[in-house]
Amino acid sequence: MTEITASEPSISEETPLTAPAASATVGTANEDLLAELATKDCLADVLGRQGRHKEAEALLRDGLETRKTVLAQSPEDPDMLRTMNNLAGTLTRDDIVEAEMLFRQVLEADVKALGHEHAYTITSMNNVAHNLSEQGKHEAAEDMQRRAVELSQTLRGPDHPETLDLMDNLRDFLRVGGKPDEAERMLRARPALHHQAIQKQKEPDEKEVALRKALELCHTDVERIPALRNLAELFETKGRYDEAEGYFQQLVKLPADVYGSRDRDLQSSKRSLGVVLSRQRKYKEAEEVLRGLLVVQ
């Protein structure tokens, strides 16, 4: 089963499409610490995806403590929620009750702040369902996951990669919950949906065309920074991680002096590169990028 965790928390003025807004309660004096914690969150996610749960858990628990004691962030703070969510995702079966508590706390806060039809709320629903299934609460897991799939179909479309992942999880819940016939029907329908997703990815929408045109009109590297970032984030949102990686690679290879006082933009691009590498299961590369960023920070 696929446990879908959120991508990097936002710590800069420029808010990535896939990240929650930065905490409004934190002053500029703590921006370096926020950047470091955001990178550690991303690194923990990469470690967890490799099965290195204890390493990931240690990073995230340390991050939570820092957020509480140094930054005085509340449990409703978006960045705090992402760390709580990722910690819950690393906990082993021995800590499954604590994981459920954390996942439900994040889901409740997401619904309150963002509503149901939002990517982060849907992710939180998936994570609660995954946890319930691991506890053998198959009916509750199925109900939660059906709702997550319906919301994702409305928000993203039935053939979006994230929707397909949610459907794969629902199929697994049905199978272990004693409904193999429905699980089999979903499995037979998947190739057609996957084909539709591939076809859609080949057809650029108006926003993609406009952003590519904007990049073509750039004359300097300074102008190219936001244009490249916009395209990278668009493809990341669409689940076209290989294309997103290409644009993030271009961003991080620009000369450092091009960024000038916008060094945080360079750090953010490196963090995002680590995320999209991880989404493609390029874990060693992702870990190298993120650990290198921590050395700089």
Protein backbone atom coordinates (compact mmCIF):
# COMPACT_ATOMS: atom_id res chain seq x y z
CA MET A 1 0.00 0.00 0.00
CA THR A 2 1.17 3.51 -0.73
CA GLU A 3 1.28 5.96 2.16
CA ILE A 4 1.25 9.42 0.63
CA THR A 5 3.05 12.06 2.61
CA ALA A 6 3.05 15.77 2.02
CA SER A 7 5.89 17.51 0.22
CA GLU A 8 8.13 20.14 1.72
CA PRO A 9 6.76 22.82 4.03
CA SER A 10 7.01 26.36 2.73
CA ILE A 11 9.67 28.51 4.36
CA SER A 12 10.17 31.28 1.82
CA GLU A 13 8.15 34.17 0.54
CA GLU A 14 7.56 32.28 -2.68
CA THR A 15 5.01 29.57 -1.81
CA PRO A 16 5.34 26.35 -3.87
CA LEU A 17 2.11 25.12 -5.40
CA THR A 18 2.32 21.85 -3.47
CA ALA A 19 3.25 23.30 -0.09
CA PRO A 20 1.21 24.96 2.67
CA ALA A 21 1.79 28.58 3.51
CA ALA A 22 4.63 29.43 5.86
CA SER A 23 3.74 30.11 9.44
CA ALA A 24 2.68 33.71 9.99
CA THR A 25 3.77 33.49 13.62
CA VAL A 26 7.50 33.15 12.89
CA GLY A 27 9.67 36.22 12.45
CA THR A 28 12.44 36.68 9.91
CA ALA A 29 15.08 36.02 12.58
CA ASN A 30 14.09 32.36 12.53
CA GLU A 31 14.08 31.91 8.75
CA ASP A 32 17.39 30.01 8.76
CA LEU A 33 16.06 27.58 11.33
CA LEU A 34 12.82 27.16 9.39
CA ALA A 35 14.80 26.37 6.26
CA GLU A 36 16.87 23.78 8.12
CA LEU A 37 13.75 22.13 9.58
CA ALA A 38 12.07 22.04 6.17
CA THR A 39 15.11 20.29 4.72
CA LYS A 40 15.16 17.79 7.60
CA ASP A 41 11.46 17.05 6.98
CA CYS A 42 12.23 16.27 3.35
CA LEU A 43 15.27 14.18 4.26
CA ALA A 44 13.22 12.20 6.78
CA ASP A 45 10.67 11.47 4.07
CA VAL A 46 13.43 10.13 1.80
CA LEU A 47 14.82 7.96 4.62
CA GLY A 48 11.36 6.63 5.43
CA ARG A 49 10.73 5.67 1.82
CA GLN A 50 13.90 3.57 2.01
CA GLY A 51 12.68 1.78 5.13
CA ARG A 52 15.09 3.66 7.40
CA HIS A 53 12.30 4.53 9.80
CA LYS A 54 14.31 4.95 12.99
CA GLU A 55 16.61 7.51 11.34
CA ALA A 56 13.61 9.36 9.97
CA GLU A 57 11.79 9.23 13.30
CA ALA A 58 14.78 10.71 15.16
CA LEU A 59 15.00 13.63 12.71
CA LEU A 60 11.28 14.35 12.93
CA ARG A 61 10.99 14.09 16.72
CA ASP A 62 13.92 16.48 17.04
CA GLY A 63 12.21 18.80 14.57
CA LEU A 64 8.93 18.72 16.48
CA GLU A 65 10.71 19.56 19.72
CA THR A 66 12.49 22.48 18.06
CA ARG A 67 9.24 23.78 16.60
CA LYS A 68 7.59 23.63 20.03
CA THR A 69 10.35 24.97 22.25
CA VAL A 70 12.37 27.30 20.02
CA LEU A 71 9.83 28.54 17.48
CA ALA A 72 6.80 28.23 19.79
CA GLN A 73 4.69 26.87 16.93
CA SER A 74 1.22 25.64 17.77
CA PRO A 75 -0.20 22.24 16.69
CA GLU A 76 -2.29 24.11 14.09
CA ASP A 77 0.72 25.69 12.38
CA PRO A 78 0.98 24.36 8.78
CA ASP A 79 4.68 23.55 9.09
CA MET A 80 4.13 21.79 12.44
CA LEU A 81 1.32 19.74 10.87
CA ARG A 82 3.54 18.56 8.02
CA THR A 83 6.19 17.41 10.50
CA MET A 84 3.57 15.63 12.61
CA ASN A 85 2.19 13.97 9.48
CA ASN A 86 5.61 12.76 8.38
CA LEU A 87 6.45 11.50 11.88
CA ALA A 88 3.25 9.46 11.93
CA GLY A 89 4.23 7.97 8.59
CA THR A 90 7.56 6.71 9.97
CA LEU A 91 6.23 5.05 13.11
CA THR A 92 6.35 1.25 13.21
CA ARG A 93 3.52 -1.08 14.16
CA ASP A 94 4.58 -0.78 17.81
CA ASP A 95 3.61 2.90 17.66
CA ILE A 96 0.53 2.51 15.47
CA VAL A 97 -1.85 4.08 18.02
CA GLU A 98 0.36 7.17 18.33
CA ALA A 99 0.50 7.30 14.53
CA GLU A 100 -3.31 7.27 14.29
CA MET A 101 -3.56 10.07 16.84
CA LEU A 102 -1.11 12.20 14.87
CA PHE A 103 -2.73 11.48 11.51
CA ARG A 104 -6.19 12.34 12.87
CA GLN A 105 -4.91 15.54 14.43
CA VAL A 106 -3.46 16.59 11.08
CA LEU A 107 -6.66 15.65 9.24
CA GLU A 108 -8.82 17.64 11.65
CA ALA A 109 -6.60 20.71 11.25
CA ASP A 110 -6.54 20.38 7.45
CA VAL A 111 -10.33 20.16 7.23
CA LYS A 112 -10.69 23.20 9.49
CA ALA A 113 -8.13 25.32 7.64
CA LEU A 114 -8.47 24.10 4.04
CA GLY A 115 -11.79 22.29 3.69
CA HIS A 116 -12.29 18.81 2.27
CA GLU A 117 -11.54 19.57 -1.38
CA HIS A 118 -7.84 20.27 -0.94
CA ALA A 119 -4.81 18.13 -1.77
CA TYR A 120 -3.49 18.14 1.80
CA THR A 121 -6.83 17.10 3.27
CA ILE A 122 -7.06 14.24 0.78
CA THR A 123 -3.52 13.14 1.66
CA SER A 124 -4.43 13.19 5.35
CA MET A 125 -7.53 11.08 4.71
CA ASN A 126 -5.41 8.55 2.83
CA ASN A 127 -2.95 8.37 5.69
CA VAL A 128 -5.66 7.80 8.30
CA ALA A 129 -7.17 5.08 6.10
CA HIS A 130 -3.76 3.42 5.69
CA ASN A 131 -3.28 3.42 9.46
CA LEU A 132 -6.76 1.99 10.09
CA SER A 133 -6.12 -0.80 7.60
CA GLU A 134 -2.88 -1.71 9.37
CA GLN A 135 -4.89 -2.01 12.60
CA GLY A 136 -7.33 -4.39 10.91
CA LYS A 137 -10.15 -1.81 10.89
CA HIS A 138 -10.96 -2.63 7.28
CA GLU A 139 -14.46 -1.16 7.00
CA ALA A 140 -13.42 2.17 8.49
CA ALA A 141 -10.35 2.25 6.23
CA GLU A 142 -12.47 1.52 3.16
CA ASP A 143 -15.00 4.25 3.99
CA MET A 144 -12.28 6.86 4.53
CA GLN A 145 -10.43 5.87 1.36
CA ARG A 146 -13.55 5.91 -0.82
CA ARG A 147 -14.14 9.49 0.25
CA ALA A 148 -10.50 10.39 -0.48
CA VAL A 149 -10.76 8.88 -3.97
CA GLU A 150 -14.01 10.74 -4.70
CA LEU A 151 -12.52 14.06 -3.59
CA SER A 152 -9.35 13.50 -5.64
CA GLN A 153 -11.39 12.61 -8.72
CA THR A 154 -13.26 15.90 -8.34
CA LEU A 155 -10.19 17.99 -7.54
CA ARG A 156 -7.59 16.46 -9.86
CA GLY A 157 -9.48 14.21 -12.26
CA PRO A 158 -9.95 10.41 -12.34
CA ASP A 159 -6.73 9.77 -14.25
CA HIS A 160 -4.33 11.99 -12.30
CA PRO A 161 -1.33 10.05 -10.91
CA GLU A 162 -2.24 10.94 -7.33
CA THR A 163 -5.83 9.76 -7.87
CA LEU A 164 -4.55 6.49 -9.31
CA ASP A 165 -2.35 5.99 -6.23
CA LEU A 166 -5.35 6.54 -3.98
CA MET A 167 -7.37 4.05 -6.04
CA ASP A 168 -4.54 1.52 -5.75
CA ASN A 169 -4.72 1.88 -1.98
CA LEU A 170 -8.50 1.46 -1.98
CA ARG A 171 -8.10 -1.68 -4.06
CA ASP A 172 -5.65 -3.05 -1.48
CA PHE A 173 -8.04 -2.20 1.36
CA LEU A 174 -10.87 -4.01 -0.45
CA ARG A 175 -8.71 -7.07 -1.03
CA VAL A 176 -7.55 -7.44 2.59
CA GLY A 177 -11.05 -6.53 3.78
CA GLY A 178 -12.62 -9.50 2.03
CA LYS A 179 -13.93 -7.87 -1.15
CA PRO A 180 -11.72 -9.44 -3.85
CA ASP A 181 -14.30 -9.12 -6.66
CA GLU A 182 -14.53 -5.32 -6.41
CA ALA A 183 -10.74 -5.13 -6.04
CA GLU A 184 -10.37 -7.16 -9.25
CA ARG A 185 -12.77 -4.85 -11.14
CA MET A 186 -10.70 -1.85 -10.09
CA LEU A 187 -7.53 -3.59 -11.20
CA ARG A 188 -8.98 -4.25 -14.66
CA ALA A 189 -10.00 -0.59 -15.02
CA ARG A 190 -6.59 0.78 -14.10
CA PRO A 191 -4.74 0.32 -17.45
CA ALA A 192 -7.32 2.45 -19.29
CA LEU A 193 -7.05 5.22 -16.69
CA HIS A 194 -3.26 5.06 -16.80
CA HIS A 195 -3.37 5.36 -20.59
CA GLN A 196 -5.61 8.43 -20.29
CA ALA A 197 -3.16 9.96 -17.85
CA ILE A 198 -0.26 9.42 -20.25
CA GLN A 199 -2.21 10.94 -23.13
CA LYS A 200 -3.14 13.99 -21.06
CA GLN A 201 0.45 14.53 -20.06
CA LYS A 202 1.36 14.77 -23.74
CA GLU A 203 -1.17 17.53 -24.32
CA PRO A 204 -0.02 20.89 -22.88
CA ASP A 205 -2.74 23.02 -21.31
CA GLU A 206 -3.04 26.80 -21.59
CA LYS A 207 -1.06 27.41 -18.41
CA GLU A 208 1.83 25.24 -19.57
CA VAL A 209 1.92 26.97 -22.94
CA ALA A 210 1.92 30.39 -21.28
CA LEU A 211 4.70 29.47 -18.85
CA ARG A 212 6.87 28.03 -21.61
CA LYS A 213 6.38 31.21 -23.61
CA ALA A 214 7.33 33.30 -20.57
CA LEU A 215 10.56 31.32 -20.23
CA GLU A 216 11.39 31.87 -23.91
CA LEU A 217 11.05 35.64 -23.41
CA CYS A 218 13.61 35.72 -20.59
CA HIS A 219 16.91 37.37 -21.50
CA THR A 220 18.91 36.96 -18.28
CA ASP A 221 19.42 34.24 -15.67
CA VAL A 222 17.80 36.48 -13.07
CA GLU A 223 14.64 36.60 -15.18
CA ARG A 224 14.78 32.86 -15.73
CA ILE A 225 14.65 31.97 -12.01
CA PRO A 226 10.89 32.54 -11.49
CA ALA A 227 10.06 31.26 -14.99
CA LEU A 228 11.90 27.98 -14.41
CA ARG A 229 10.43 27.65 -10.92
CA ASN A 230 6.88 28.14 -12.20
CA LEU A 231 7.30 25.40 -14.81
CA ALA A 232 8.95 23.04 -12.34
CA GLU A 233 6.12 23.49 -9.82
CA LEU A 234 3.48 23.05 -12.52
CA PHE A 235 4.92 19.69 -13.58
CA GLU A 236 5.38 18.62 -9.96
CA THR A 237 1.71 19.36 -9.30
CA LYS A 238 0.72 17.34 -12.36
CA GLY A 239 2.81 14.40 -11.22
CA ARG A 240 5.23 14.78 -14.14
CA TYR A 241 8.21 14.45 -11.88
CA ASP A 242 10.83 13.76 -14.54
CA GLU A 243 10.04 17.06 -16.26
CA ALA A 244 9.89 18.89 -12.93
CA GLU A 245 13.31 17.48 -12.11
CA GLY A 246 14.74 18.90 -15.34
CA TYR A 247 13.67 22.44 -14.48
CA PHE A 248 14.77 22.18 -10.84
CA GLN A 249 18.16 20.91 -12.08
CA GLN A 250 18.47 23.99 -14.26
CA LEU A 251 17.67 26.19 -11.26
CA VAL A 252 20.27 24.67 -8.94
CA LYS A 253 22.96 24.76 -11.64
CA LEU A 254 22.67 28.51 -12.12
CA PRO A 255 25.67 30.43 -10.71
CA ALA A 256 25.13 31.24 -7.04
CA ASP A 257 25.80 34.94 -7.61
CA VAL A 258 22.75 35.08 -9.91
CA TYR A 259 20.54 34.64 -6.86
CA GLY A 260 22.18 37.50 -4.97
CA SER A 261 20.11 38.26 -1.88
CA ARG A 262 17.59 35.60 -2.94
CA ASP A 263 19.75 32.75 -1.67
CA ARG A 264 16.67 31.21 -0.03
CA ASP A 265 15.22 30.68 -3.49
CA LEU A 266 18.24 28.54 -4.35
CA GLN A 267 17.81 26.55 -1.14
CA SER A 268 14.13 26.07 -1.88
CA SER A 269 14.91 24.82 -5.38
CA LYS A 270 17.40 22.30 -4.01
CA ARG A 271 14.84 21.10 -1.48
CA SER A 272 12.23 20.73 -4.20
CA LEU A 273 14.71 18.86 -6.36
CA GLY A 274 15.19 16.40 -3.51
CA VAL A 275 11.42 15.92 -3.31
CA VAL A 276 10.90 15.18 -7.02
CA LEU A 277 13.92 12.85 -7.08
CA SER A 278 12.38 10.94 -4.20
CA ARG A 279 9.01 10.75 -5.99
CA GLN A 280 10.86 8.99 -8.81
CA ARG A 281 12.50 6.61 -6.30
CA LYS A 282 15.90 8.13 -6.90
CA TYR A 283 16.53 7.96 -3.19
CA LYS A 284 20.32 8.07 -3.14
CA GLU A 285 20.35 11.18 -5.32
CA ALA A 286 17.63 12.81 -3.24
CA GLU A 287 19.47 12.08 0.00
CA GLU A 288 22.71 13.49 -1.41
CA VAL A 289 21.01 16.73 -2.46
CA LEU A 290 19.29 17.21 0.90
CA ARG A 291 22.29 16.32 3.05
CA GLY A 292 24.39 18.70 0.98
CA LEU A 293 21.84 21.43 1.62
CA LEU A 294 21.98 20.81 5.37
CA VAL A 295 25.76 21.30 5.32
CA VAL A 296 25.27 24.71 3.68
CA GLN A 297 22.48 25.71 6.08
